[in-house]
């Protein structure tokens, strides 16, 4: 039977510490809350009281329960008050020497069987543990912010942590109503190790002016369903906190992808720490406020697009799921669409799929019967590219094979009238390679839709070094008219979304490959701890491991960074035919 902790202590009553106190008190535990000074103690008490008061206001807690919760907490400024607790957790600043000194002092105060826990998000638990005479009873217990809301707790064991202590702490986390994952002592553990590499990469895109902060954030929210964009999340976390976590991870991993981007130090020096200072990557109306205000980087709400070309007729080449969705999107938006497939049977399938989709929309009350009929009337199937001679915009959505696309663009160059915009939906191939197959590279652009195109709002608009300004303006205008959100970037492997998403997925595979954590624990950590809609291995099996490997190879080929090299395990799964859901086997079995 696991030991039941009855009285617990919390040291440090900042946002995280006060939240942990609330979690403990909500679970019926007696809590001793310690701060270093009377002023800090008063602030921590106020944070706790305000939080539970909001719960009462929202009807999540009665006034009587509020008073009972607060009565379970005893506040103090002396560590000696922790002498009788069963478990103590520290939530003091992320400074190794501060934590080591604190644990050494606790070792002389607490009972011999008291478990000493650290809420550190990146520092070595082992280095903290060896400052005590009881390293076997020291463990990491990493809560996520805000602690009363976030369900994940990472339990970190060292090479000397007693298994009985791990069992007790895991049971304790479950008693608190948390989802626990247990891992070894490695910088960043699961969630931060994966999250902060991705955040650092996003900062690199911003710092190199590859894309605007708004476009980077919108791309990841709309393209991946993340609750926050990476730069907005960094402002919430704190630029200084993020720097410390990345620096700690880099010192351990020596992975260049974890080396904090130079702009972190510059922002820290300038006092641009994020929300808490009122200015970070974005500007807020006051320190600590979540409300954004416009600054010199804020784009105009209604940009003045110069030289937009008229577009009323659109051509789409392809018959797959993506092409079908794109055809439907354009036709619903009022464009006459000629779609070209390799045979009448494929054209019939496309028409049937669009008809079925529109019928569903009518059944759900999202489309009128008249609009359904008008949409279908705008569709013209074809099996010859020659029928695209009269359109003003062509979007290709054929197989992701450069040679196939280049041949298609060469043919479109001969068929389409001068001034016709030629767009590719490639997700990873160089757009300039398609443009170079034509005599009009200035009229070639990337227009990357996301699957399913009828549902996903994001379109990455990718300009090459040759793309004319009015061509980009035309595609941005059309994207707005079909109800999509455009983000702009230049022609680099992965564009925005895949350039940020796939290195993160690759890091997750490496973590699994190293036997650091199971696929289930890694997926749980990212879903429960970071609010991701899918864990990395769920997503990989949906995308397809062969597709993921192809994108990883493109990224590595372009950037030549060792951190982007595809994980050997991914290559092995593809070789074995374990491609994900489509084959019934991937990182998991679905048969």
Protein backbone atom coordinates (compact mmCIF):
# COMPACT_ATOMS: atom_id res chain seq x y z
CA UNK A 1 0.00 0.00 0.00
CA UNK A 2 1.23 3.47 -0.90
CA UNK A 3 1.90 5.81 1.96
CA UNK A 4 -0.72 8.55 2.34
CA UNK A 5 0.67 12.01 2.96
CA UNK A 6 -1.57 13.91 5.37
CA UNK A 7 0.37 17.10 6.07
CA UNK A 8 2.39 18.75 3.34
CA UNK A 9 4.53 21.85 3.01
CA UNK A 10 5.02 24.33 0.18
CA UNK A 11 7.95 26.74 0.02
CA UNK A 12 7.58 29.76 -2.24
CA UNK A 13 4.18 31.35 -2.78
CA UNK A 14 4.51 32.95 -6.18
CA UNK A 15 1.94 32.12 -8.85
CA UNK A 16 3.04 28.50 -9.06
CA UNK A 17 3.56 27.94 -5.33
CA UNK A 18 0.21 29.49 -4.38
CA UNK A 19 -1.43 27.33 -7.03
CA UNK A 20 0.14 24.18 -5.58
CA UNK A 21 -1.08 25.17 -2.10
CA UNK A 22 -4.59 25.47 -3.54
CA UNK A 23 -4.33 22.04 -5.19
CA UNK A 24 -3.28 20.44 -1.91
CA UNK A 25 -5.92 22.22 0.18
CA UNK A 26 -8.66 21.37 -2.34
CA UNK A 27 -7.77 17.71 -1.82
CA UNK A 28 -8.33 17.94 1.95
CA UNK A 29 -4.69 18.08 2.96
CA UNK A 30 -3.29 20.15 5.79
CA UNK A 31 -0.79 22.59 4.23
CA UNK A 32 2.07 24.59 5.72
CA UNK A 33 2.85 27.47 3.34
CA UNK A 34 6.21 29.20 3.76
CA UNK A 35 7.63 32.39 2.28
CA UNK A 36 10.89 34.22 2.97
CA UNK A 37 9.35 37.47 4.26
CA UNK A 38 6.12 38.87 5.68
CA UNK A 39 5.49 40.90 2.52
CA UNK A 40 5.99 37.91 0.23
CA UNK A 41 3.80 35.83 2.52
CA UNK A 42 1.02 38.42 2.36
CA UNK A 43 1.22 38.46 -1.42
CA UNK A 44 1.07 34.66 -1.61
CA UNK A 45 -1.90 34.55 0.77
CA UNK A 46 -3.66 37.17 -1.37
CA UNK A 47 -3.01 35.15 -4.53
CA UNK A 48 -4.58 32.07 -2.94
CA UNK A 49 -7.55 33.94 -1.50
CA UNK A 50 -8.28 35.69 -4.81
CA UNK A 51 -8.14 32.41 -6.69
CA UNK A 52 -10.65 30.62 -4.46
CA UNK A 53 -12.84 33.75 -4.38
CA UNK A 54 -13.05 33.58 -8.19
CA UNK A 55 -14.05 29.92 -7.88
CA UNK A 56 -16.90 30.94 -5.58
CA UNK A 57 -17.98 33.69 -7.98
CA UNK A 58 -18.07 31.17 -10.84
CA UNK A 59 -20.16 28.74 -8.80
CA UNK A 60 -17.35 26.16 -8.69
CA UNK A 61 -17.12 26.30 -4.89
CA UNK A 62 -19.46 27.27 -2.08
CA UNK A 63 -18.61 29.96 0.47
CA UNK A 64 -18.47 27.25 3.13
CA UNK A 65 -16.02 25.16 1.07
CA UNK A 66 -13.94 28.28 0.54
CA UNK A 67 -13.60 28.85 4.28
CA UNK A 68 -12.82 25.18 4.93
CA UNK A 69 -10.10 25.24 2.25
CA UNK A 70 -8.45 28.35 3.67
CA UNK A 71 -8.63 26.92 7.20
CA UNK A 72 -6.45 23.99 6.06
CA UNK A 73 -3.56 26.33 5.23
CA UNK A 74 -1.13 27.60 7.86
CA UNK A 75 1.15 30.41 6.71
CA UNK A 76 4.63 31.15 8.03
CA UNK A 77 8.09 32.52 7.31
CA UNK A 78 10.22 29.94 9.14
CA UNK A 79 11.34 26.63 7.62
CA UNK A 80 11.22 25.14 11.12
CA UNK A 81 7.44 25.06 10.78
CA UNK A 82 7.89 22.20 8.29
CA UNK A 83 9.35 19.85 10.92
CA UNK A 84 6.34 17.51 11.01
CA UNK A 85 5.16 17.47 7.38
CA UNK A 86 5.16 14.22 5.36
CA UNK A 87 6.14 15.85 2.08
CA UNK A 88 7.51 19.27 1.23
CA UNK A 89 7.71 20.79 -2.24
CA UNK A 90 9.67 23.89 -3.16
CA UNK A 91 8.59 26.42 -5.79
CA UNK A 92 11.36 28.97 -5.36
CA UNK A 93 13.20 30.69 -8.28
CA UNK A 94 14.99 28.45 -10.83
CA UNK A 95 18.48 28.82 -9.35
CA UNK A 96 20.36 25.61 -8.64
CA UNK A 97 22.45 26.89 -5.72
CA UNK A 98 19.37 28.42 -4.07
CA UNK A 99 17.54 25.10 -4.28
CA UNK A 100 20.57 23.10 -3.11
CA UNK A 101 20.97 25.33 -0.05
CA UNK A 102 17.25 25.06 0.70
CA UNK A 103 17.25 21.25 0.50
CA UNK A 104 20.33 21.01 2.70
CA UNK A 105 18.53 23.08 5.33
CA UNK A 106 15.32 21.05 5.01
CA UNK A 107 17.33 17.86 5.49
CA UNK A 108 18.20 19.01 8.99
CA UNK A 109 14.66 20.13 9.83
CA UNK A 110 12.27 17.53 8.42
CA UNK A 111 11.55 14.04 9.72
CA UNK A 112 13.84 11.30 8.34
CA UNK A 113 11.03 9.81 6.23
CA UNK A 114 9.78 13.15 4.85
CA UNK A 115 9.87 13.24 1.05
CA UNK A 116 11.57 16.34 -0.35
CA UNK A 117 10.25 17.40 -3.76
CA UNK A 118 11.24 20.08 -6.25
CA UNK A 119 8.88 21.73 -8.72
CA UNK A 120 11.80 22.68 -10.98
CA UNK A 121 10.99 22.59 -14.68
CA UNK A 122 14.54 22.13 -15.91
CA UNK A 123 17.21 21.81 -13.20
CA UNK A 124 18.83 18.51 -12.26
CA UNK A 125 17.01 16.71 -9.45
CA UNK A 126 20.15 14.65 -8.87
CA UNK A 127 22.24 17.76 -8.20
CA UNK A 128 19.61 18.97 -5.75
CA UNK A 129 19.29 15.56 -4.08
CA UNK A 130 23.00 15.13 -3.32
CA UNK A 131 22.95 18.29 -1.20
CA UNK A 132 20.99 16.25 1.37
CA UNK A 133 21.73 13.20 3.47
CA UNK A 134 18.63 11.48 2.06
CA UNK A 135 19.02 11.54 -1.77
CA UNK A 136 16.80 8.45 -2.02
CA UNK A 137 13.88 10.49 -0.71
CA UNK A 138 14.28 13.41 -3.10
CA UNK A 139 12.07 13.55 -6.17
CA UNK A 140 10.88 15.98 -8.82
CA UNK A 141 7.19 16.86 -8.74
CA UNK A 142 6.67 19.23 -11.66
CA UNK A 143 3.28 20.93 -11.77
CA UNK A 144 2.15 23.03 -14.73
CA UNK A 145 0.80 26.56 -14.57
CA UNK A 146 -1.91 27.28 -13.47
CA UNK A 147 -1.59 24.36 -11.07
CA UNK A 148 -5.28 24.19 -10.00
CA UNK A 149 -6.32 23.85 -13.67
CA UNK A 150 -3.56 21.89 -15.43
CA UNK A 151 -3.91 18.16 -14.97
CA UNK A 152 -0.38 17.00 -15.73
CA UNK A 153 2.28 16.31 -13.10
CA UNK A 154 5.71 15.02 -14.10
CA UNK A 155 7.30 12.77 -11.46
CA UNK A 156 11.08 12.78 -11.85
CA UNK A 157 13.19 10.02 -10.40
CA UNK A 158 16.97 10.05 -10.08
CA UNK A 159 19.28 7.04 -10.19
CA UNK A 160 19.15 6.90 -6.38
CA UNK A 161 15.48 7.69 -5.73
CA UNK A 162 13.88 4.86 -3.77
CA UNK A 163 11.18 2.99 -5.71
CA UNK A 164 8.92 3.18 -2.65
CA UNK A 165 9.13 6.98 -2.80
CA UNK A 166 8.21 6.98 -6.49
CA UNK A 167 5.22 4.70 -5.79
CA UNK A 168 4.07 6.95 -2.97
CA UNK A 169 4.41 10.15 -5.01
CA UNK A 170 2.62 8.64 -8.02
CA UNK A 171 -0.28 7.62 -5.79
CA UNK A 172 -0.24 11.08 -4.25
CA UNK A 173 -0.48 12.75 -7.67
CA UNK A 174 -3.45 10.56 -8.56
CA UNK A 175 -5.09 11.41 -5.24
CA UNK A 176 -4.81 15.08 -6.27
CA UNK A 177 -6.74 14.28 -9.44
CA UNK A 178 -3.71 14.73 -11.66
CA UNK A 179 -2.40 12.73 -14.61
CA UNK A 180 1.13 11.65 -13.70
CA UNK A 181 3.97 10.61 -15.97
CA UNK A 182 7.19 9.32 -14.44
CA UNK A 183 10.52 9.99 -16.15
CA UNK A 184 14.23 10.07 -15.48
CA UNK A 185 16.28 13.12 -14.54
CA UNK A 186 16.94 14.90 -17.83
CA UNK A 187 16.74 18.63 -18.52
CA UNK A 188 13.25 19.65 -19.54
CA UNK A 189 11.76 16.25 -18.65
CA UNK A 190 9.09 15.45 -21.29
CA UNK A 191 6.92 18.49 -21.86
CA UNK A 192 9.52 21.24 -21.62
CA UNK A 193 12.14 19.25 -23.54
CA UNK A 194 9.75 19.07 -26.50
CA UNK A 195 8.01 22.40 -26.02
CA UNK A 196 11.02 24.69 -25.61
CA UNK A 197 12.92 23.35 -28.61
CA UNK A 198 9.86 24.25 -30.68
CA UNK A 199 9.54 27.68 -29.03
CA UNK A 200 13.22 28.41 -29.64
CA UNK A 201 12.84 27.49 -33.31
CA UNK A 202 9.84 29.82 -33.61
CA UNK A 203 11.95 32.65 -32.18
CA UNK A 204 14.61 31.88 -34.80
CA UNK A 205 12.02 32.32 -37.57
CA UNK A 206 10.95 35.64 -36.08
CA UNK A 207 14.51 36.86 -35.47
CA UNK A 208 15.50 36.10 -39.08
CA UNK A 209 12.40 38.00 -40.29
CA UNK A 210 11.22 34.90 -42.09
CA UNK A 211 7.65 35.67 -41.03
CA UNK A 212 5.89 38.16 -38.78
CA UNK A 213 5.06 37.35 -35.15
CA UNK A 214 1.33 37.41 -36.01
CA UNK A 215 1.78 35.02 -38.93
CA UNK A 216 3.97 32.60 -36.94
CA UNK A 217 1.42 32.49 -34.12
CA UNK A 218 -1.61 32.26 -36.43
CA UNK A 219 0.05 29.48 -38.44
CA UNK A 220 0.51 27.23 -35.41
CA UNK A 221 -2.92 27.95 -33.94
CA UNK A 222 -4.86 27.49 -37.17
CA UNK A 223 -2.60 24.91 -38.80
CA UNK A 224 -2.04 22.67 -35.77
CA UNK A 225 -4.92 23.55 -33.45
CA UNK A 226 -2.61 24.73 -30.66
CA UNK A 227 -4.17 26.82 -27.89
CA UNK A 228 -1.59 29.61 -28.28
CA UNK A 229 0.99 30.64 -30.82
CA UNK A 230 4.63 30.14 -29.78
CA UNK A 231 5.55 33.81 -29.38
CA UNK A 232 2.39 34.63 -27.43
CA UNK A 233 3.15 31.62 -25.21
CA UNK A 234 6.69 32.84 -24.59
CA UNK A 235 5.29 36.21 -23.48
CA UNK A 236 3.06 34.33 -21.03
CA UNK A 237 5.87 32.12 -19.70
CA UNK A 238 8.33 35.00 -19.44
CA UNK A 239 11.31 35.64 -21.70
CA UNK A 240 13.76 35.29 -18.79
CA UNK A 241 12.19 32.03 -17.62
CA UNK A 242 12.31 30.62 -21.15
CA UNK A 243 15.96 31.62 -21.48
CA UNK A 244 16.90 29.86 -18.24
CA UNK A 245 15.11 26.66 -19.27
CA UNK A 246 16.70 26.64 -22.74
CA UNK A 247 20.14 27.43 -21.33
CA UNK A 248 19.87 24.57 -18.84
CA UNK A 249 18.71 22.19 -21.58
CA UNK A 250 21.54 23.25 -23.89
CA UNK A 251 24.22 22.77 -21.22
CA UNK A 252 23.04 19.19 -20.82
CA UNK A 253 22.16 18.24 -24.41
CA UNK A 254 24.67 20.38 -26.35
CA UNK A 255 22.01 20.33 -29.07
CA UNK A 256 22.20 23.56 -31.06
CA UNK A 257 18.41 23.57 -31.34
CA UNK A 258 18.30 24.20 -27.55
CA UNK A 259 20.81 27.07 -27.62
CA UNK A 260 18.77 30.18 -26.76
CA UNK A 261 18.40 32.51 -29.74
CA UNK A 262 20.39 35.76 -29.27
CA UNK A 263 17.24 37.87 -29.14
CA UNK A 264 16.37 36.34 -25.74
CA UNK A 265 19.37 38.01 -24.09
CA UNK A 266 18.70 41.28 -25.90
CA UNK A 267 15.10 41.35 -24.73
CA UNK A 268 16.08 40.50 -21.16
CA UNK A 269 18.63 43.31 -21.11
CA UNK A 270 15.98 45.72 -22.39
CA UNK A 271 13.49 44.57 -19.75
CA UNK A 272 11.14 43.07 -22.36
CA UNK A 273 10.14 40.03 -20.31
CA UNK A 274 6.66 39.41 -21.69
CA UNK A 275 3.32 39.95 -20.04
CA UNK A 276 4.78 40.51 -16.59
CA UNK A 277 6.69 43.58 -17.79
CA UNK A 278 4.04 44.74 -20.26
CA UNK A 279 6.21 44.17 -23.31
CA UNK A 280 7.78 41.12 -24.91
CA UNK A 281 7.27 39.91 -28.44
CA UNK A 282 3.96 41.76 -28.18
CA UNK A 283 2.94 44.89 -26.26
CA UNK A 284 0.34 44.79 -23.47
CA UNK A 285 -1.72 47.60 -21.98
CA UNK A 286 -0.13 47.15 -18.55
CA UNK A 287 2.36 44.86 -16.78
CA UNK A 288 0.63 41.56 -16.00
CA UNK A 289 -2.27 42.28 -18.34
CA UNK A 290 -3.27 39.83 -21.10
CA UNK A 291 -4.67 42.64 -23.26
CA UNK A 292 -2.67 43.43 -26.39
CA UNK A 293 -2.23 46.93 -27.76
CA UNK A 294 -0.94 47.95 -31.16
CA UNK A 295 2.74 48.78 -31.55
CA UNK A 296 5.14 49.49 -34.39
CA UNK A 297 5.08 45.84 -35.53
CA UNK A 298 1.30 45.47 -35.59
CA UNK A 299 0.08 44.98 -39.17
CA UNK A 300 -2.87 47.07 -40.44
CA UNK A 301 -6.28 45.50 -39.92
CA UNK A 302 -7.10 46.00 -43.60
CA UNK A 303 -3.89 45.99 -45.65
CA UNK A 304 -3.92 47.94 -48.88
CA UNK A 305 -3.06 45.31 -51.49
CA UNK A 306 -1.61 46.95 -54.59
CA UNK A 307 -2.10 45.62 -58.12
CA UNK A 308 -4.58 42.84 -57.35
CA UNK A 309 -5.43 41.02 -60.57
CA UNK A 310 -9.09 40.18 -61.26
CA UNK A 311 -9.95 36.51 -60.65
CA UNK A 312 -13.36 35.02 -61.42
CA UNK A 313 -12.43 31.65 -62.93
CA UNK A 314 -10.16 29.20 -61.14
CA UNK A 315 -8.58 25.96 -62.30
CA UNK A 316 -7.66 23.10 -59.97
CA UNK A 317 -5.54 20.14 -61.05
CA UNK A 318 -5.86 16.93 -59.05
CA UNK A 319 -8.47 14.51 -57.73
CA UNK A 320 -7.31 13.56 -54.26
CA UNK A 321 -8.72 14.59 -50.90
CA UNK A 322 -6.86 17.90 -50.88
CA UNK A 323 -7.82 18.82 -54.45
CA UNK A 324 -11.45 17.94 -53.80
CA UNK A 325 -11.57 20.17 -50.73
CA UNK A 326 -9.94 23.07 -52.58
CA UNK A 327 -12.43 22.78 -55.45
CA UNK A 328 -15.32 22.90 -52.99
CA UNK A 329 -13.86 25.92 -51.17
CA UNK A 330 -13.51 27.97 -54.36
CA UNK A 331 -16.93 27.03 -55.73
CA UNK A 332 -18.69 27.84 -52.42
CA UNK A 333 -16.97 31.24 -52.44
CA UNK A 334 -18.50 32.10 -55.82
CA UNK A 335 -15.69 31.22 -58.21
CA UNK A 336 -16.31 29.25 -61.43
CA UNK A 337 -14.03 26.22 -61.10
CA UNK A 338 -12.69 24.00 -63.85
CA UNK A 339 -11.08 20.96 -62.31
CA UNK A 340 -8.86 18.61 -64.27
CA UNK A 341 -8.41 14.93 -63.40
CA UNK A 342 -6.76 11.99 -65.15
CA UNK A 343 -10.05 10.40 -66.18
CA UNK A 344 -13.83 10.78 -66.18
CA UNK A 345 -14.14 8.21 -63.39
CA UNK A 346 -11.97 10.39 -61.12
CA UNK A 347 -13.98 13.47 -62.11
CA UNK A 348 -17.16 11.65 -61.14
CA UNK A 349 -15.68 10.74 -57.75
CA UNK A 350 -14.70 14.36 -57.11
CA UNK A 351 -18.18 15.59 -58.04
CA UNK A 352 -19.80 12.93 -55.87
CA UNK A 353 -17.59 13.79 -52.89
CA UNK A 354 -18.37 17.50 -53.18
CA UNK A 355 -22.10 16.81 -53.57
CA UNK A 356 -22.04 14.63 -50.45
CA UNK A 357 -20.17 17.32 -48.48
CA UNK A 358 -22.64 20.00 -49.54
CA UNK A 359 -25.60 17.76 -48.68
CA UNK A 360 -24.18 17.33 -45.17
CA UNK A 361 -23.86 21.11 -44.85
CA UNK A 362 -27.52 21.51 -45.90
CA UNK A 363 -28.57 18.83 -43.40
CA UNK A 364 -26.73 20.67 -40.60
CA UNK A 365 -28.34 23.97 -41.56
CA UNK A 366 -25.02 25.52 -42.58
CA UNK A 367 -25.91 25.86 -46.27
CA UNK A 368 -29.17 26.55 -48.07
CA UNK A 369 -30.39 24.31 -50.86
CA UNK A 370 -30.15 27.26 -53.27
CA UNK A 371 -26.48 27.82 -52.34
CA UNK A 372 -25.80 24.11 -52.74
CA UNK A 373 -27.25 24.14 -56.24
CA UNK A 374 -25.39 27.33 -57.15
CA UNK A 375 -22.10 25.83 -55.91
CA UNK A 376 -22.55 22.66 -57.97
CA UNK A 377 -23.45 24.75 -61.03
CA UNK A 378 -20.06 26.48 -60.83
CA UNK A 379 -18.17 23.19 -61.27
CA UNK A 380 -16.83 22.13 -64.65
CA UNK A 381 -15.04 18.76 -64.75
CA UNK A 382 -12.39 18.10 -67.37
CA UNK A 383 -9.76 15.56 -68.29
CA UNK A 384 -7.56 17.90 -70.33
CA UNK A 385 -5.33 20.74 -69.20
CA UNK A 386 -6.28 22.66 -72.34
CA UNK A 387 -9.57 23.59 -70.67
CA UNK A 388 -7.61 25.80 -68.25
CA UNK A 389 -6.72 28.29 -70.99
CA UNK A 390 -9.34 30.79 -69.84
CA UNK A 391 -8.84 30.78 -66.05
CA UNK A 392 -7.04 33.53 -64.13
CA UNK A 393 -5.67 31.30 -61.32
CA UNK A 394 -4.56 27.66 -61.39
CA UNK A 395 -3.98 25.68 -58.18
CA UNK A 396 -2.25 22.33 -58.54
CA UNK A 397 -2.81 19.62 -55.94
CA UNK A 398 -1.18 16.59 -57.53
CA UNK A 399 1.18 14.03 -56.01
CA UNK A 400 4.07 15.43 -53.92
CA UNK A 401 6.69 14.56 -56.52
CA UNK A 402 8.89 17.37 -57.85
CA UNK A 403 9.32 15.87 -61.33
CA UNK A 404 5.55 15.46 -61.73
CA UNK A 405 4.91 19.02 -60.59
CA UNK A 406 7.62 20.45 -62.85
CA UNK A 407 6.14 18.69 -65.89
CA UNK A 408 2.69 20.01 -64.98
CA UNK A 409 3.93 23.60 -64.59
CA UNK A 410 5.73 23.43 -67.93
CA UNK A 411 2.45 22.35 -69.54
CA UNK A 412 0.45 25.06 -67.76
CA UNK A 413 3.00 27.62 -68.96
CA UNK A 414 2.19 26.70 -72.57
CA UNK A 415 -1.59 26.54 -72.07
CA UNK A 416 -2.52 29.41 -69.75
CA UNK A 417 -2.77 33.00 -70.91
CA UNK A 418 -0.15 35.56 -69.86
CA UNK A 419 -1.11 37.02 -66.50
CA UNK A 420 -2.54 33.76 -65.15
CA UNK A 421 -1.30 33.05 -61.63
CA UNK A 422 0.08 29.53 -61.18
CA UNK A 423 -0.01 28.20 -57.61
CA UNK A 424 1.27 25.01 -56.01
CA UNK A 425 -0.12 23.44 -52.83
CA UNK A 426 3.14 21.66 -52.02
CA UNK A 427 3.81 21.31 -48.31
CA UNK A 428 7.55 20.72 -48.52
CA UNK A 429 8.98 21.00 -52.04
CA UNK A 430 10.71 24.21 -53.20
CA UNK A 431 8.22 26.46 -54.98
CA UNK A 432 11.06 28.00 -57.02
CA UNK A 433 11.73 24.58 -58.58
CA UNK A 434 8.19 24.61 -59.98
CA UNK A 435 8.59 28.23 -61.09
CA UNK A 436 11.85 27.44 -62.89
CA UNK A 437 9.99 24.94 -65.10
CA UNK A 438 8.08 27.86 -66.64
CA UNK A 439 8.96 30.95 -68.65
CA UNK A 440 7.01 33.06 -66.12
CA UNK A 441 8.57 32.44 -62.69
CA UNK A 442 7.25 35.81 -61.51
CA UNK A 443 3.69 34.43 -61.75
CA UNK A 444 4.33 31.26 -59.71
CA UNK A 445 3.56 31.16 -55.98
CA UNK A 446 2.88 28.70 -53.18
CA UNK A 447 -0.66 28.42 -51.84
CA UNK A 448 -0.46 25.72 -49.17
CA UNK A 449 -3.88 24.61 -47.92
CA UNK A 450 -4.27 22.35 -44.90
CA UNK A 451 -6.24 19.13 -44.79
CA UNK A 452 -9.25 19.00 -44.80
CA UNK A 453 -9.22 22.11 -46.98
CA UNK A 454 -12.96 22.70 -46.59
CA UNK A 455 -12.54 22.98 -42.80
CA UNK A 456 -9.03 24.24 -42.06
CA UNK A 457 -8.81 28.05 -42.16
CA UNK A 458 -5.09 28.41 -42.76
CA UNK A 459 -3.35 29.00 -46.10
CA UNK A 460 0.39 29.59 -46.25
CA UNK A 461 1.16 32.04 -49.08
CA UNK A 462 4.73 31.34 -50.17
CA UNK A 463 6.60 33.81 -52.34
CA UNK A 464 9.84 32.93 -54.10
CA UNK A 465 12.71 35.28 -54.96
CA UNK A 466 11.03 35.70 -58.36
CA UNK A 467 7.36 36.10 -57.36
CA UNK A 468 5.93 39.45 -58.43
CA UNK A 469 4.37 41.67 -55.75
CA UNK A 470 1.02 41.84 -57.56
CA UNK A 471 0.91 38.05 -57.79
CA UNK A 472 1.32 37.76 -54.01
CA UNK A 473 -1.29 40.51 -53.53
CA UNK A 474 -3.71 38.66 -55.81
CA UNK A 475 -3.36 35.39 -53.90
CA UNK A 476 -3.74 37.18 -50.55
CA UNK A 477 -6.92 38.82 -51.87
CA UNK A 478 -8.33 35.52 -53.16
CA UNK A 479 -7.46 33.77 -49.90
CA UNK A 480 -9.47 36.34 -47.95
CA UNK A 481 -12.43 36.00 -50.35
CA UNK A 482 -12.60 32.22 -49.86
CA UNK A 483 -12.78 32.76 -46.09
CA UNK A 484 -9.28 31.59 -45.24
CA UNK A 485 -6.57 33.18 -43.08
CA UNK A 486 -3.39 33.80 -45.05
CA UNK A 487 0.07 33.80 -43.49
CA UNK A 488 2.99 35.01 -45.57
CA UNK A 489 6.45 33.50 -45.74
CA UNK A 490 9.28 33.01 -48.19
CA UNK A 491 10.22 29.84 -50.04
CA UNK A 492 12.06 27.69 -47.50
CA UNK A 493 11.58 24.02 -46.67
CA UNK A 494 8.60 23.47 -44.41
CA UNK A 495 7.34 27.06 -44.73
CA UNK A 496 6.05 27.99 -41.23
CA UNK A 497 3.94 25.12 -39.90
CA UNK A 498 5.96 22.13 -41.03
CA UNK A 499 9.24 23.88 -40.26
CA UNK A 500 8.14 24.15 -36.62
CA UNK A 501 6.02 21.01 -36.33
CA UNK A 502 8.27 18.31 -37.73
CA UNK A 503 11.46 19.01 -35.73
CA UNK A 504 9.22 18.79 -32.61
CA UNK A 505 7.84 15.45 -33.82
CA UNK A 506 11.37 14.27 -34.59
CA UNK A 507 12.48 15.20 -31.06
CA UNK A 508 9.59 13.15 -29.65
CA UNK A 509 10.72 10.13 -31.69
CA UNK A 510 14.28 10.54 -30.40
CA UNK A 511 12.94 10.68 -26.85
CA UNK A 512 11.06 7.40 -27.42
CA UNK A 513 14.08 5.89 -29.16
CA UNK A 514 16.23 6.65 -26.11
CA UNK A 515 13.71 4.80 -23.88
CA UNK A 516 13.30 7.97 -21.83
CA UNK A 517 9.51 7.69 -21.81
CA UNK A 518 6.78 5.65 -23.45
CA UNK A 519 4.73 6.85 -26.43
CA UNK A 520 1.68 6.98 -24.14
CA UNK A 521 3.44 9.12 -21.54
CA UNK A 522 4.88 11.47 -24.16
CA UNK A 523 1.47 11.89 -25.80
CA UNK A 524 -0.18 12.46 -22.41
CA UNK A 525 2.44 15.03 -21.41
CA UNK A 526 1.88 17.13 -24.52
CA UNK A 527 -1.91 16.87 -24.49
CA UNK A 528 -2.48 17.31 -20.77
CA UNK A 529 0.50 19.54 -19.98
CA UNK A 530 0.57 21.75 -23.07
CA UNK A 531 -3.00 21.58 -24.34
CA UNK A 532 -2.07 20.05 -27.69
CA UNK A 533 -5.05 18.47 -29.49
CA UNK A 534 -3.02 15.33 -30.27
CA UNK A 535 0.15 13.84 -28.87
CA UNK A 536 3.14 13.59 -31.24
CA UNK A 537 2.74 9.85 -31.87
CA UNK A 538 -0.99 10.11 -32.45
CA UNK A 539 -0.28 12.86 -34.96
CA UNK A 540 2.55 10.98 -36.69
CA UNK A 541 0.31 7.96 -37.22
CA UNK A 542 -2.41 10.20 -38.68
CA UNK A 543 -0.06 12.12 -40.99
CA UNK A 544 1.72 8.95 -42.08
CA UNK A 545 5.27 8.04 -41.15
CA UNK A 546 6.32 8.00 -44.81
CA UNK A 547 5.03 11.54 -45.31
CA UNK A 548 6.70 12.65 -42.08
CA UNK A 549 10.00 11.08 -43.12
CA UNK A 550 9.87 12.83 -46.51
CA UNK A 551 9.32 16.21 -44.82
CA UNK A 552 12.08 15.55 -42.28
CA UNK A 553 14.47 14.73 -45.12
CA UNK A 554 13.57 17.94 -46.95
CA UNK A 555 14.21 19.99 -43.81
CA UNK A 556 17.54 18.29 -43.17
CA UNK A 557 18.60 18.63 -46.80
CA UNK A 558 17.90 22.36 -46.76
CA UNK A 559 19.27 23.34 -43.35
CA UNK A 560 21.89 20.60 -42.83
CA UNK A 561 21.42 20.88 -39.08
CA UNK A 562 22.16 17.58 -37.27
CA UNK A 563 19.13 18.24 -35.07
CA UNK A 564 16.89 17.96 -38.13
CA UNK A 565 18.26 14.59 -39.24
CA UNK A 566 15.36 12.09 -39.22
CA UNK A 567 15.39 9.82 -36.16
CA UNK A 568 16.56 6.32 -37.14
CA UNK A 569 13.43 4.82 -35.56
CA UNK A 570 11.25 6.73 -38.04
CA UNK A 571 13.26 5.41 -40.97
CA UNK A 572 13.00 1.87 -39.60
CA UNK A 573 9.24 2.08 -39.22
CA UNK A 574 8.86 3.27 -42.81
CA UNK A 575 11.14 0.49 -44.07
CA UNK A 576 9.02 -2.02 -42.17
CA UNK A 577 5.83 -0.67 -43.74
CA UNK A 578 4.49 0.66 -40.44
CA UNK A 579 3.21 3.90 -41.93
CA UNK A 580 0.49 4.71 -39.40
CA UNK A 581 -3.27 4.48 -39.51
CA UNK A 582 -3.40 3.97 -43.28
CA UNK A 583 -1.56 0.63 -42.94
CA UNK A 584 -3.05 -0.29 -39.56
CA UNK A 585 0.38 -0.14 -37.90
CA UNK A 586 2.66 2.73 -36.97
CA UNK A 587 3.87 3.76 -33.56
CA UNK A 588 0.75 1.92 -32.40
CA UNK A 589 -1.26 -0.99 -33.80
CA UNK A 590 -4.77 -0.21 -35.09
CA UNK A 591 -5.82 -3.62 -36.37
